[in-house]
Amino acid sequence: MEPFGYGLSDQVDTERSIENIIEELYTCLEEIGVHQYYLMAHSISGLYSLYYANTYPEKIHGFIGIDSSVPKQNENEPFNTTKLNFLMAYLSKAKNALGIS
């Protein structure tokens, strides 16, 4: 499901807050009769899905994250990720150069 106001979905006048987005998704699922489900999220929708799962835990069988964003994923991390990011980028380039997939 794509939230209102994004991509090819209908535009709406309500604020695009995480609370409004998950309430709209919840209402949509209830309207179509889907009451138990897994959430699968990619990228920024990971934040919405985690918030949704914590708001409606009785509806969720599980959460599947595909390269999902998570809370506190920014420059204010509790630990320094600069060296880790550099190492991961270096290892990725080495893997590609060696033909390892």
PDB file of N, CA and C in Angstrom:
ATOM      1  N   MET A   1       0.849  -1.181   0.000  1.00  0.00           N
ATOM      2  CA  MET A   1       0.000   0.000   0.000  1.00  0.00           C
ATOM      3  C   MET A   1       0.886   1.231   0.000  1.00  0.00           C
ATOM      4  N   GLU A   2       0.476   2.201  -0.752  1.00  0.00           N
ATOM      5  CA  GLU A   2       1.217   3.452  -0.796  1.00  0.00           C
ATOM      6  C   GLU A   2       0.406   4.518  -0.069  1.00  0.00           C
ATOM      7  N   PRO A   3       1.010   5.200   0.882  1.00  0.00           N
ATOM      8  CA  PRO A   3       0.264   6.227   1.627  1.00  0.00           C
ATOM      9  C   PRO A   3      -0.180   7.374   0.729  1.00  0.00           C
ATOM     10  N   PHE A   4      -1.271   8.013   1.107  1.00  0.00           N
ATOM     11  CA  PHE A   4      -1.742   9.197   0.396  1.00  0.00           C
ATOM     12  C   PHE A   4      -0.633  10.247   0.350  1.00  0.00           C
ATOM     13  N   GLY A   5      -0.593  10.972  -0.759  1.00  0.00           N
ATOM     14  CA  GLY A   5       0.346  12.079  -0.861  1.00  0.00           C
ATOM     15  C   GLY A   5       1.732  11.691  -1.353  1.00  0.00           C
ATOM     16  N   TYR A   6       1.949  10.421  -1.679  1.00  0.00           N
ATOM     17  CA  TYR A   6       3.258   9.964  -2.151  1.00  0.00           C
ATOM     18  C   TYR A   6       3.099   9.222  -3.468  1.00  0.00           C
ATOM     19  N   GLY A   7       4.134   9.302  -4.308  1.00  0.00           N
ATOM     20  CA  GLY A   7       4.127   8.555  -5.561  1.00  0.00           C
ATOM     21  C   GLY A   7       2.906   8.865  -6.402  1.00  0.00           C
ATOM     22  N   LEU A   8       2.214   7.816  -6.825  1.00  0.00           N
ATOM     23  CA  LEU A   8       1.036   7.969  -7.684  1.00  0.00           C
ATOM     24  C   LEU A   8      -0.269   7.965  -6.898  1.00  0.00           C
ATOM     25  N   SER A   9      -0.205   7.961  -5.578  1.00  0.00           N
ATOM     26  CA  SER A   9      -1.427   7.934  -4.777  1.00  0.00           C
ATOM     27  C   SER A   9      -2.110   9.299  -4.774  1.00  0.00           C
ATOM     28  N   ASP A  10      -3.356   9.302  -4.315  1.00  0.00           N
ATOM     29  CA  ASP A  10      -4.123  10.550  -4.246  1.00  0.00           C
ATOM     30  C   ASP A  10      -3.453  11.536  -3.297  1.00  0.00           C
ATOM     31  N   GLN A  11      -3.559  12.810  -3.635  1.00  0.00           N
ATOM     32  CA  GLN A  11      -3.060  13.878  -2.770  1.00  0.00           C
ATOM     33  C   GLN A  11      -4.129  14.197  -1.725  1.00  0.00           C
ATOM     34  N   VAL A  12      -3.716  14.567  -0.535  1.00  0.00           N
ATOM     35  CA  VAL A  12      -4.650  14.908   0.541  1.00  0.00           C
ATOM     36  C   VAL A  12      -4.195  16.190   1.219  1.00  0.00           C
ATOM     37  N   ASP A  13      -5.120  16.808   1.941  1.00  0.00           N
ATOM     38  CA  ASP A  13      -4.811  18.056   2.627  1.00  0.00           C
ATOM     39  C   ASP A  13      -4.300  17.854   4.044  1.00  0.00           C
ATOM     40  N   THR A  14      -4.415  16.632   4.571  1.00  0.00           N
ATOM     41  CA  THR A  14      -3.963  16.399   5.947  1.00  0.00           C
ATOM     42  C   THR A  14      -2.443  16.349   6.014  1.00  0.00           C
ATOM     43  N   GLU A  15      -1.928  16.723   7.167  1.00  0.00           N
ATOM     44  CA  GLU A  15      -0.482  16.703   7.393  1.00  0.00           C
ATOM     45  C   GLU A  15       0.060  15.289   7.187  1.00  0.00           C
ATOM     46  N   ARG A  16       1.207  15.150   6.592  1.00  0.00           N
ATOM     47  CA  ARG A  16       1.820  13.846   6.341  1.00  0.00           C
ATOM     48  C   ARG A  16       2.680  13.432   7.531  1.00  0.00           C
ATOM     49  N   SER A  17       2.058  13.402   8.696  1.00  0.00           N
ATOM     50  CA  SER A  17       2.743  12.959   9.915  1.00  0.00           C
ATOM     51  C   SER A  17       2.694  11.439   9.984  1.00  0.00           C
ATOM     52  N   ILE A  18       3.585  10.862  10.741  1.00  0.00           N
ATOM     53  CA  ILE A  18       3.617   9.402  10.879  1.00  0.00           C
ATOM     54  C   ILE A  18       2.309   8.898  11.491  1.00  0.00           C
ATOM     55  N   GLU A  19       1.741   9.660  12.417  1.00  0.00           N
ATOM     56  CA  GLU A  19       0.476   9.263  13.036  1.00  0.00           C
ATOM     57  C   GLU A  19      -0.658   9.216  12.015  1.00  0.00           C
ATOM     58  N   ASN A  20      -0.753  10.245  11.169  1.00  0.00           N
ATOM     59  CA  ASN A  20      -1.810  10.285  10.154  1.00  0.00           C
ATOM     60  C   ASN A  20      -1.630   9.188   9.112  1.00  0.00           C
ATOM     61  N   ILE A  21      -0.409   8.958   8.712  1.00  0.00           N
ATOM     62  CA  ILE A  21      -0.148   7.947   7.687  1.00  0.00           C
ATOM     63  C   ILE A  21      -0.523   6.559   8.184  1.00  0.00           C
ATOM     64  N   ILE A  22      -0.120   6.203   9.405  1.00  0.00           N
ATOM     65  CA  ILE A  22      -0.450   4.852   9.868  1.00  0.00           C
ATOM     66  C   ILE A  22      -1.936   4.704  10.166  1.00  0.00           C
ATOM     67  N   GLU A  23      -2.587   5.774  10.589  1.00  0.00           N
ATOM     68  CA  GLU A  23      -4.034   5.708  10.819  1.00  0.00           C
ATOM     69  C   GLU A  23      -4.776   5.481   9.502  1.00  0.00           C
ATOM     70  N   GLU A  24      -4.342   6.148   8.436  1.00  0.00           N
ATOM     71  CA  GLU A  24      -4.956   5.948   7.126  1.00  0.00           C
ATOM     72  C   GLU A  24      -4.735   4.518   6.625  1.00  0.00           C
ATOM     73  N   LEU A  25      -3.529   3.999   6.807  1.00  0.00           N
ATOM     74  CA  LEU A  25      -3.249   2.619   6.388  1.00  0.00           C
ATOM     75  C   LEU A  25      -4.071   1.624   7.191  1.00  0.00           C
ATOM     76  N   TYR A  26      -4.172   1.856   8.494  1.00  0.00           N
ATOM     77  CA  TYR A  26      -4.971   0.981   9.358  1.00  0.00           C
ATOM     78  C   TYR A  26      -6.436   0.978   8.902  1.00  0.00           C
ATOM     79  N   THR A  27      -6.978   2.158   8.655  1.00  0.00           N
ATOM     80  CA  THR A  27      -8.370   2.278   8.223  1.00  0.00           C
ATOM     81  C   THR A  27      -8.587   1.568   6.899  1.00  0.00           C
ATOM     82  N   CYS A  28      -7.656   1.720   5.974  1.00  0.00           N
ATOM     83  CA  CYS A  28      -7.763   1.068   4.665  1.00  0.00           C
ATOM     84  C   CYS A  28      -7.784  -0.452   4.825  1.00  0.00           C
ATOM     85  N   LEU A  29      -6.881  -0.999   5.606  1.00  0.00           N
ATOM     86  CA  LEU A  29      -6.837  -2.450   5.811  1.00  0.00           C
ATOM     87  C   LEU A  29      -8.111  -2.952   6.476  1.00  0.00           C
ATOM     88  N   GLU A  30      -8.620  -2.219   7.438  1.00  0.00           N
ATOM     89  CA  GLU A  30      -9.868  -2.612   8.097  1.00  0.00           C
ATOM     90  C   GLU A  30     -11.031  -2.594   7.100  1.00  0.00           C
ATOM     91  N   GLU A  31     -11.066  -1.561   6.246  1.00  0.00           N
ATOM     92  CA  GLU A  31     -12.153  -1.428   5.267  1.00  0.00           C
ATOM     93  C   GLU A  31     -12.176  -2.587   4.272  1.00  0.00           C
ATOM     94  N   ILE A  32     -11.003  -3.099   3.897  1.00  0.00           N
ATOM     95  CA  ILE A  32     -10.971  -4.199   2.927  1.00  0.00           C
ATOM     96  C   ILE A  32     -10.986  -5.569   3.610  1.00  0.00           C
ATOM     97  N   GLY A  33     -11.109  -5.577   4.943  1.00  0.00           N
ATOM     98  CA  GLY A  33     -11.273  -6.823   5.677  1.00  0.00           C
ATOM     99  C   GLY A  33      -9.996  -7.587   5.974  1.00  0.00           C
ATOM    100  N   VAL A  34      -8.872  -6.904   5.946  1.00  0.00           N
ATOM    101  CA  VAL A  34      -7.602  -7.551   6.285  1.00  0.00           C
ATOM    102  C   VAL A  34      -7.297  -7.209   7.741  1.00  0.00           C
ATOM    103  N   HIS A  35      -7.297  -8.240   8.609  1.00  0.00           N
ATOM    104  CA  HIS A  35      -7.186  -7.984  10.045  1.00  0.00           C
ATOM    105  C   HIS A  35      -5.911  -8.534  10.685  1.00  0.00           C
ATOM    106  N   GLN A  36      -5.212  -9.425  10.021  1.00  0.00           N
ATOM    107  CA  GLN A  36      -3.954  -9.974  10.527  1.00  0.00           C
ATOM    108  C   GLN A  36      -2.969 -10.010   9.358  1.00  0.00           C
ATOM    109  N   TYR A  37      -1.720  -9.570   9.572  1.00  0.00           N
ATOM    110  CA  TYR A  37      -0.793  -9.478   8.452  1.00  0.00           C
ATOM    111  C   TYR A  37       0.641  -9.305   8.923  1.00  0.00           C
ATOM    112  N   TYR A  38       1.544  -9.520   7.976  1.00  0.00           N
ATOM    113  CA  TYR A  38       2.948  -9.189   8.134  1.00  0.00           C
ATOM    114  C   TYR A  38       3.156  -7.832   7.483  1.00  0.00           C
ATOM    115  N   LEU A  39       4.051  -7.036   8.030  1.00  0.00           N
ATOM    116  CA  LEU A  39       4.420  -5.785   7.390  1.00  0.00           C
ATOM    117  C   LEU A  39       5.767  -5.981   6.713  1.00  0.00           C
ATOM    118  N   MET A  40       5.873  -5.586   5.452  1.00  0.00           N
ATOM    119  CA  MET A  40       7.141  -5.621   4.744  1.00  0.00           C
ATOM    120  C   MET A  40       7.419  -4.208   4.258  1.00  0.00           C
ATOM    121  N   ALA A  41       8.568  -3.681   4.648  1.00  0.00           N
ATOM    122  CA  ALA A  41       8.860  -2.286   4.359  1.00  0.00           C
ATOM    123  C   ALA A  41      10.232  -2.127   3.726  1.00  0.00           C
ATOM    124  N   HIS A  42      10.316  -1.145   2.853  1.00  0.00           N
ATOM    125  CA  HIS A  42      11.583  -0.783   2.234  1.00  0.00           C
ATOM    126  C   HIS A  42      11.852   0.691   2.502  1.00  0.00           C
ATOM    127  N   SER A  43      13.099   0.994   2.798  1.00  0.00           N
ATOM    128  CA  SER A  43      13.552   2.371   2.952  1.00  0.00           C
ATOM    129  C   SER A  43      12.788   3.093   4.064  1.00  0.00           C
ATOM    130  N   ILE A  44      12.309   4.303   3.788  1.00  0.00           N
ATOM    131  CA  ILE A  44      11.671   5.130   4.814  1.00  0.00           C
ATOM    132  C   ILE A  44      10.402   4.499   5.374  1.00  0.00           C
ATOM    133  N   SER A  45       9.743   3.639   4.606  1.00  0.00           N
ATOM    134  CA  SER A  45       8.524   3.018   5.125  1.00  0.00           C
ATOM    135  C   SER A  45       8.824   2.097   6.303  1.00  0.00           C
ATOM    136  N   GLY A  46      10.099   1.771   6.517  1.00  0.00           N
ATOM    137  CA  GLY A  46      10.473   1.012   7.708  1.00  0.00           C
ATOM    138  C   GLY A  46      10.106   1.759   8.979  1.00  0.00           C
ATOM    139  N   LEU A  47      10.288   3.066   8.972  1.00  0.00           N
ATOM    140  CA  LEU A  47       9.905   3.871  10.139  1.00  0.00           C
ATOM    141  C   LEU A  47       8.404   3.809  10.370  1.00  0.00           C
ATOM    142  N   TYR A  48       7.638   3.948   9.282  1.00  0.00           N
ATOM    143  CA  TYR A  48       6.185   3.894   9.396  1.00  0.00           C
ATOM    144  C   TYR A  48       5.739   2.521   9.895  1.00  0.00           C
ATOM    145  N   SER A  49       6.341   1.481   9.355  1.00  0.00           N
ATOM    146  CA  SER A  49       5.938   0.117   9.727  1.00  0.00           C
ATOM    147  C   SER A  49       6.270  -0.207  11.175  1.00  0.00           C
ATOM    148  N   LEU A  50       7.426   0.227  11.649  1.00  0.00           N
ATOM    149  CA  LEU A  50       7.769  -0.014  13.051  1.00  0.00           C
ATOM    150  C   LEU A  50       6.822   0.735  13.980  1.00  0.00           C
ATOM    151  N   TYR A  51       6.494   1.970  13.622  1.00  0.00           N
ATOM    152  CA  TYR A  51       5.538   2.749  14.407  1.00  0.00           C
ATOM    153  C   TYR A  51       4.173   2.067  14.390  1.00  0.00           C
ATOM    154  N   TYR A  52       3.774   1.594  13.201  1.00  0.00           N
ATOM    155  CA  TYR A  52       2.500   0.893  13.038  1.00  0.00           C
ATOM    156  C   TYR A  52       2.472  -0.356  13.917  1.00  0.00           C
ATOM    157  N   ALA A  53       3.534  -1.148  13.860  1.00  0.00           N
ATOM    158  CA  ALA A  53       3.599  -2.390  14.638  1.00  0.00           C
ATOM    159  C   ALA A  53       3.524  -2.119  16.138  1.00  0.00           C
ATOM    160  N   ASN A  54       4.097  -1.025  16.576  1.00  0.00           N
ATOM    161  CA  ASN A  54       4.028  -0.673  17.994  1.00  0.00           C
ATOM    162  C   ASN A  54       2.676  -0.092  18.381  1.00  0.00           C
ATOM    163  N   THR A  55       1.964   0.488  17.422  1.00  0.00           N
ATOM    164  CA  THR A  55       0.634   1.060  17.684  1.00  0.00           C
ATOM    165  C   THR A  55      -0.455  -0.001  17.634  1.00  0.00           C
ATOM    166  N   TYR A  56      -0.336  -0.952  16.706  1.00  0.00           N
ATOM    167  CA  TYR A  56      -1.341  -2.010  16.522  1.00  0.00           C
ATOM    168  C   TYR A  56      -0.695  -3.400  16.617  1.00  0.00           C
ATOM    169  N   PRO A  57      -0.071  -3.731  17.732  1.00  0.00           N
ATOM    170  CA  PRO A  57       0.652  -5.019  17.824  1.00  0.00           C
ATOM    171  C   PRO A  57      -0.248  -6.239  17.661  1.00  0.00           C
ATOM    172  N   GLU A  58      -1.514  -6.108  17.991  1.00  0.00           N
ATOM    173  CA  GLU A  58      -2.435  -7.242  17.886  1.00  0.00           C
ATOM    174  C   GLU A  58      -2.745  -7.607  16.433  1.00  0.00           C
ATOM    175  N   LYS A  59      -2.439  -6.726  15.499  1.00  0.00           N
ATOM    176  CA  LYS A  59      -2.714  -6.953  14.079  1.00  0.00           C
ATOM    177  C   LYS A  59      -1.531  -7.588  13.341  1.00  0.00           C
ATOM    178  N   ILE A  60      -0.352  -7.498  13.913  1.00  0.00           N
ATOM    179  CA  ILE A  60       0.882  -7.824  13.213  1.00  0.00           C
ATOM    180  C   ILE A  60       1.412  -9.204  13.582  1.00  0.00           C
ATOM    181  N   HIS A  61       1.651 -10.020  12.544  1.00  0.00           N
ATOM    182  CA  HIS A  61       2.308 -11.317  12.752  1.00  0.00           C
ATOM    183  C   HIS A  61       3.823 -11.144  12.778  1.00  0.00           C
ATOM    184  N   GLY A  62       4.335 -10.174  12.042  1.00  0.00           N
ATOM    185  CA  GLY A  62       5.777  -9.949  11.994  1.00  0.00           C
ATOM    186  C   GLY A  62       6.122  -8.763  11.116  1.00  0.00           C
ATOM    187  N   PHE A  63       7.386  -8.400  11.169  1.00  0.00           N
ATOM    188  CA  PHE A  63       7.899  -7.264  10.398  1.00  0.00           C
ATOM    189  C   PHE A  63       9.071  -7.746   9.552  1.00  0.00           C
ATOM    190  N   ILE A  64       9.048  -7.414   8.270  1.00  0.00           N
ATOM    191  CA  ILE A  64      10.131  -7.746   7.354  1.00  0.00           C
ATOM    192  C   ILE A  64      10.676  -6.430   6.832  1.00  0.00           C
ATOM    193  N   GLY A  65      11.934  -6.154   7.127  1.00  0.00           N
ATOM    194  CA  GLY A  65      12.554  -4.920   6.671  1.00  0.00           C
ATOM    195  C   GLY A  65      13.509  -5.190   5.524  1.00  0.00           C
ATOM    196  N   ILE A  66      13.368  -4.433   4.444  1.00  0.00           N
ATOM    197  CA  ILE A  66      14.248  -4.543   3.295  1.00  0.00           C
ATOM    198  C   ILE A  66      14.992  -3.220   3.170  1.00  0.00           C
ATOM    199  N   ASP A  67      16.229  -3.192   3.650  1.00  0.00           N
ATOM    200  CA  ASP A  67      17.030  -1.969   3.651  1.00  0.00           C
ATOM    201  C   ASP A  67      16.226  -0.826   4.271  1.00  0.00           C
ATOM    202  N   SER A  68      15.629  -1.101   5.411  1.00  0.00           N
ATOM    203  CA  SER A  68      14.708  -0.162   6.057  1.00  0.00           C
ATOM    204  C   SER A  68      15.426   0.906   6.862  1.00  0.00           C
ATOM    205  N   SER A  69      14.838   2.078   6.867  1.00  0.00           N
ATOM    206  CA  SER A  69      15.274   3.121   7.778  1.00  0.00           C
ATOM    207  C   SER A  69      14.804   2.742   9.170  1.00  0.00           C
ATOM    208  N   VAL A  70      15.544   3.191  10.162  1.00  0.00           N
ATOM    209  CA  VAL A  70      15.196   2.901  11.546  1.00  0.00           C
ATOM    210  C   VAL A  70      15.303   4.180  12.367  1.00  0.00           C
ATOM    211  N   PRO A  71      14.654   4.209  13.529  1.00  0.00           N
ATOM    212  CA  PRO A  71      14.751   5.410  14.371  1.00  0.00           C
ATOM    213  C   PRO A  71      16.207   5.748  14.707  1.00  0.00           C
ATOM    214  N   LYS A  72      16.496   7.022  14.823  1.00  0.00           N
ATOM    215  CA  LYS A  72      17.814   7.558  15.167  1.00  0.00           C
ATOM    216  C   LYS A  72      18.872   7.249  14.114  1.00  0.00           C
ATOM    217  N   GLN A  73      18.450   7.085  12.878  1.00  0.00           N
ATOM    218  CA  GLN A  73      19.384   6.805  11.791  1.00  0.00           C
ATOM    219  C   GLN A  73      19.832   8.133  11.186  1.00  0.00           C
ATOM    220  N   ASN A  74      20.736   8.798  11.849  1.00  0.00           N
ATOM    221  CA  ASN A  74      21.234  10.074  11.337  1.00  0.00           C
ATOM    222  C   ASN A  74      22.560  10.410  11.988  1.00  0.00           C
ATOM    223  N   GLU A  75      22.984  11.642  11.860  1.00  0.00           N
ATOM    224  CA  GLU A  75      24.284  12.053  12.405  1.00  0.00           C
ATOM    225  C   GLU A  75      24.320  12.075  13.932  1.00  0.00           C
ATOM    226  N   ASN A  76      23.196  11.901  14.586  1.00  0.00           N
ATOM    227  CA  ASN A  76      23.152  11.910  16.048  1.00  0.00           C
ATOM    228  C   ASN A  76      23.176  10.502  16.644  1.00  0.00           C
ATOM    229  N   GLU A  77      23.748   9.547  15.906  1.00  0.00           N
ATOM    230  CA  GLU A  77      23.829   8.166  16.394  1.00  0.00           C
ATOM    231  C   GLU A  77      24.576   8.135  17.730  1.00  0.00           C
ATOM    232  N   PRO A  78      24.248   7.181  18.595  1.00  0.00           N
ATOM    233  CA  PRO A  78      24.932   7.097  19.879  1.00  0.00           C
ATOM    234  C   PRO A  78      26.382   6.625  19.761  1.00  0.00           C
ATOM    235  N   PHE A  79      26.795   6.143  18.583  1.00  0.00           N
ATOM    236  CA  PHE A  79      28.185   5.751  18.379  1.00  0.00           C
ATOM    237  C   PHE A  79      28.641   6.278  17.025  1.00  0.00           C
ATOM    238  N   ASN A  80      29.937   6.370  16.838  1.00  0.00           N
ATOM    239  CA  ASN A  80      30.493   6.920  15.612  1.00  0.00           C
ATOM    240  C   ASN A  80      30.464   5.869  14.512  1.00  0.00           C
ATOM    241  N   THR A  81      29.707   6.139  13.447  1.00  0.00           N
ATOM    242  CA  THR A  81      29.597   5.178  12.346  1.00  0.00           C
ATOM    243  C   THR A  81      30.497   5.522  11.173  1.00  0.00           C
ATOM    244  N   THR A  82      31.252   6.608  11.260  1.00  0.00           N
ATOM    245  CA  THR A  82      32.080   7.039  10.138  1.00  0.00           C
ATOM    246  C   THR A  82      33.071   5.960   9.728  1.00  0.00           C
ATOM    247  N   LYS A  83      33.808   5.400  10.684  1.00  0.00           N
ATOM    248  CA  LYS A  83      34.795   4.363  10.373  1.00  0.00           C
ATOM    249  C   LYS A  83      34.121   3.098   9.858  1.00  0.00           C
ATOM    250  N   LEU A  84      32.993   2.751  10.441  1.00  0.00           N
ATOM    251  CA  LEU A  84      32.261   1.563   9.995  1.00  0.00           C
ATOM    252  C   LEU A  84      31.766   1.748   8.562  1.00  0.00           C
ATOM    253  N   ASN A  85      31.211   2.917   8.247  1.00  0.00           N
ATOM    254  CA  ASN A  85      30.749   3.188   6.886  1.00  0.00           C
ATOM    255  C   ASN A  85      31.900   3.136   5.889  1.00  0.00           C
ATOM    256  N   PHE A  86      33.058   3.698   6.267  1.00  0.00           N
ATOM    257  CA  PHE A  86      34.227   3.666   5.397  1.00  0.00           C
ATOM    258  C   PHE A  86      34.667   2.225   5.149  1.00  0.00           C
ATOM    259  N   LEU A  87      34.714   1.421   6.204  1.00  0.00           N
ATOM    260  CA  LEU A  87      35.119   0.025   6.083  1.00  0.00           C
ATOM    261  C   LEU A  87      34.154  -0.751   5.185  1.00  0.00           C
ATOM    262  N   MET A  88      32.851  -0.551   5.366  1.00  0.00           N
ATOM    263  CA  MET A  88      31.855  -1.255   4.557  1.00  0.00           C
ATOM    264  C   MET A  88      31.972  -0.859   3.083  1.00  0.00           C
ATOM    265  N   ALA A  89      32.207   0.418   2.805  1.00  0.00           N
ATOM    266  CA  ALA A  89      32.372   0.870   1.419  1.00  0.00           C
ATOM    267  C   ALA A  89      33.624   0.254   0.807  1.00  0.00           C
ATOM    268  N   TYR A  90      34.713   0.212   1.566  1.00  0.00           N
ATOM    269  CA  TYR A  90      35.965  -0.380   1.090  1.00  0.00           C
ATOM    270  C   TYR A  90      35.783  -1.865   0.802  1.00  0.00           C
ATOM    271  N   LEU A  91      35.134  -2.581   1.702  1.00  0.00           N
ATOM    272  CA  LEU A  91      34.909  -4.012   1.503  1.00  0.00           C
ATOM    273  C   LEU A  91      34.013  -4.276   0.300  1.00  0.00           C
ATOM    274  N   SER A  92      33.016  -3.423   0.101  1.00  0.00           N
ATOM    275  CA  SER A  92      32.125  -3.569  -1.052  1.00  0.00           C
ATOM    276  C   SER A  92      32.897  -3.387  -2.351  1.00  0.00           C
ATOM    277  N   LYS A  93      33.784  -2.377  -2.411  1.00  0.00           N
ATOM    278  CA  LYS A  93      34.589  -2.158  -3.610  1.00  0.00           C
ATOM    279  C   LYS A  93      35.539  -3.344  -3.841  1.00  0.00           C
ATOM    280  N   ALA A  94      36.122  -3.853  -2.769  1.00  0.00           N
ATOM    281  CA  ALA A  94      37.030  -5.002  -2.892  1.00  0.00           C
ATOM    282  C   ALA A  94      36.280  -6.220  -3.405  1.00  0.00           C
ATOM    283  N   LYS A  95      35.073  -6.453  -2.886  1.00  0.00           N
ATOM    284  CA  LYS A  95      34.250  -7.577  -3.346  1.00  0.00           C
ATOM    285  C   LYS A  95      33.965  -7.465  -4.837  1.00  0.00           C
ATOM    286  N   ASN A  96      33.596  -6.270  -5.281  1.00  0.00           N
ATOM    287  CA  ASN A  96      33.288  -6.057  -6.693  1.00  0.00           C
ATOM    288  C   ASN A  96      34.517  -6.273  -7.567  1.00  0.00           C
ATOM    289  N   ALA A  97      35.668  -5.762  -7.123  1.00  0.00           N
ATOM    290  CA  ALA A  97      36.898  -5.914  -7.908  1.00  0.00           C
ATOM    291  C   ALA A  97      37.303  -7.376  -8.024  1.00  0.00           C
ATOM    292  N   LEU A  98      37.036  -8.157  -6.986  1.00  0.00           N
ATOM    293  CA  LEU A  98      37.399  -9.573  -6.988  1.00  0.00           C
ATOM    294  C   LEU A  98      36.326 -10.454  -7.637  1.00  0.00           C
ATOM    295  N   GLY A  99      35.180  -9.871  -7.949  1.00  0.00           N
ATOM    296  CA  GLY A  99      34.108 -10.648  -8.569  1.00  0.00           C
ATOM    297  C   GLY A  99      33.338 -11.506  -7.587  1.00  0.00           C
ATOM    298  N   ILE A 100      33.373 -11.144  -6.327  1.00  0.00           N
ATOM    299  CA  ILE A 100      32.646 -11.894  -5.294  1.00  0.00           C
ATOM    300  C   ILE A 100      31.236 -11.319  -5.181  1.00  0.00           C
ATOM    301  N   SER A 101      30.252 -12.195  -5.251  1.00  0.00           N
ATOM    302  CA  SER A 101      28.882 -11.702  -5.090  1.00  0.00           C
ATOM    303  C   SER A 101      28.193 -12.418  -3.961  1.00  0.00           C
TER     304      SER A 101
END
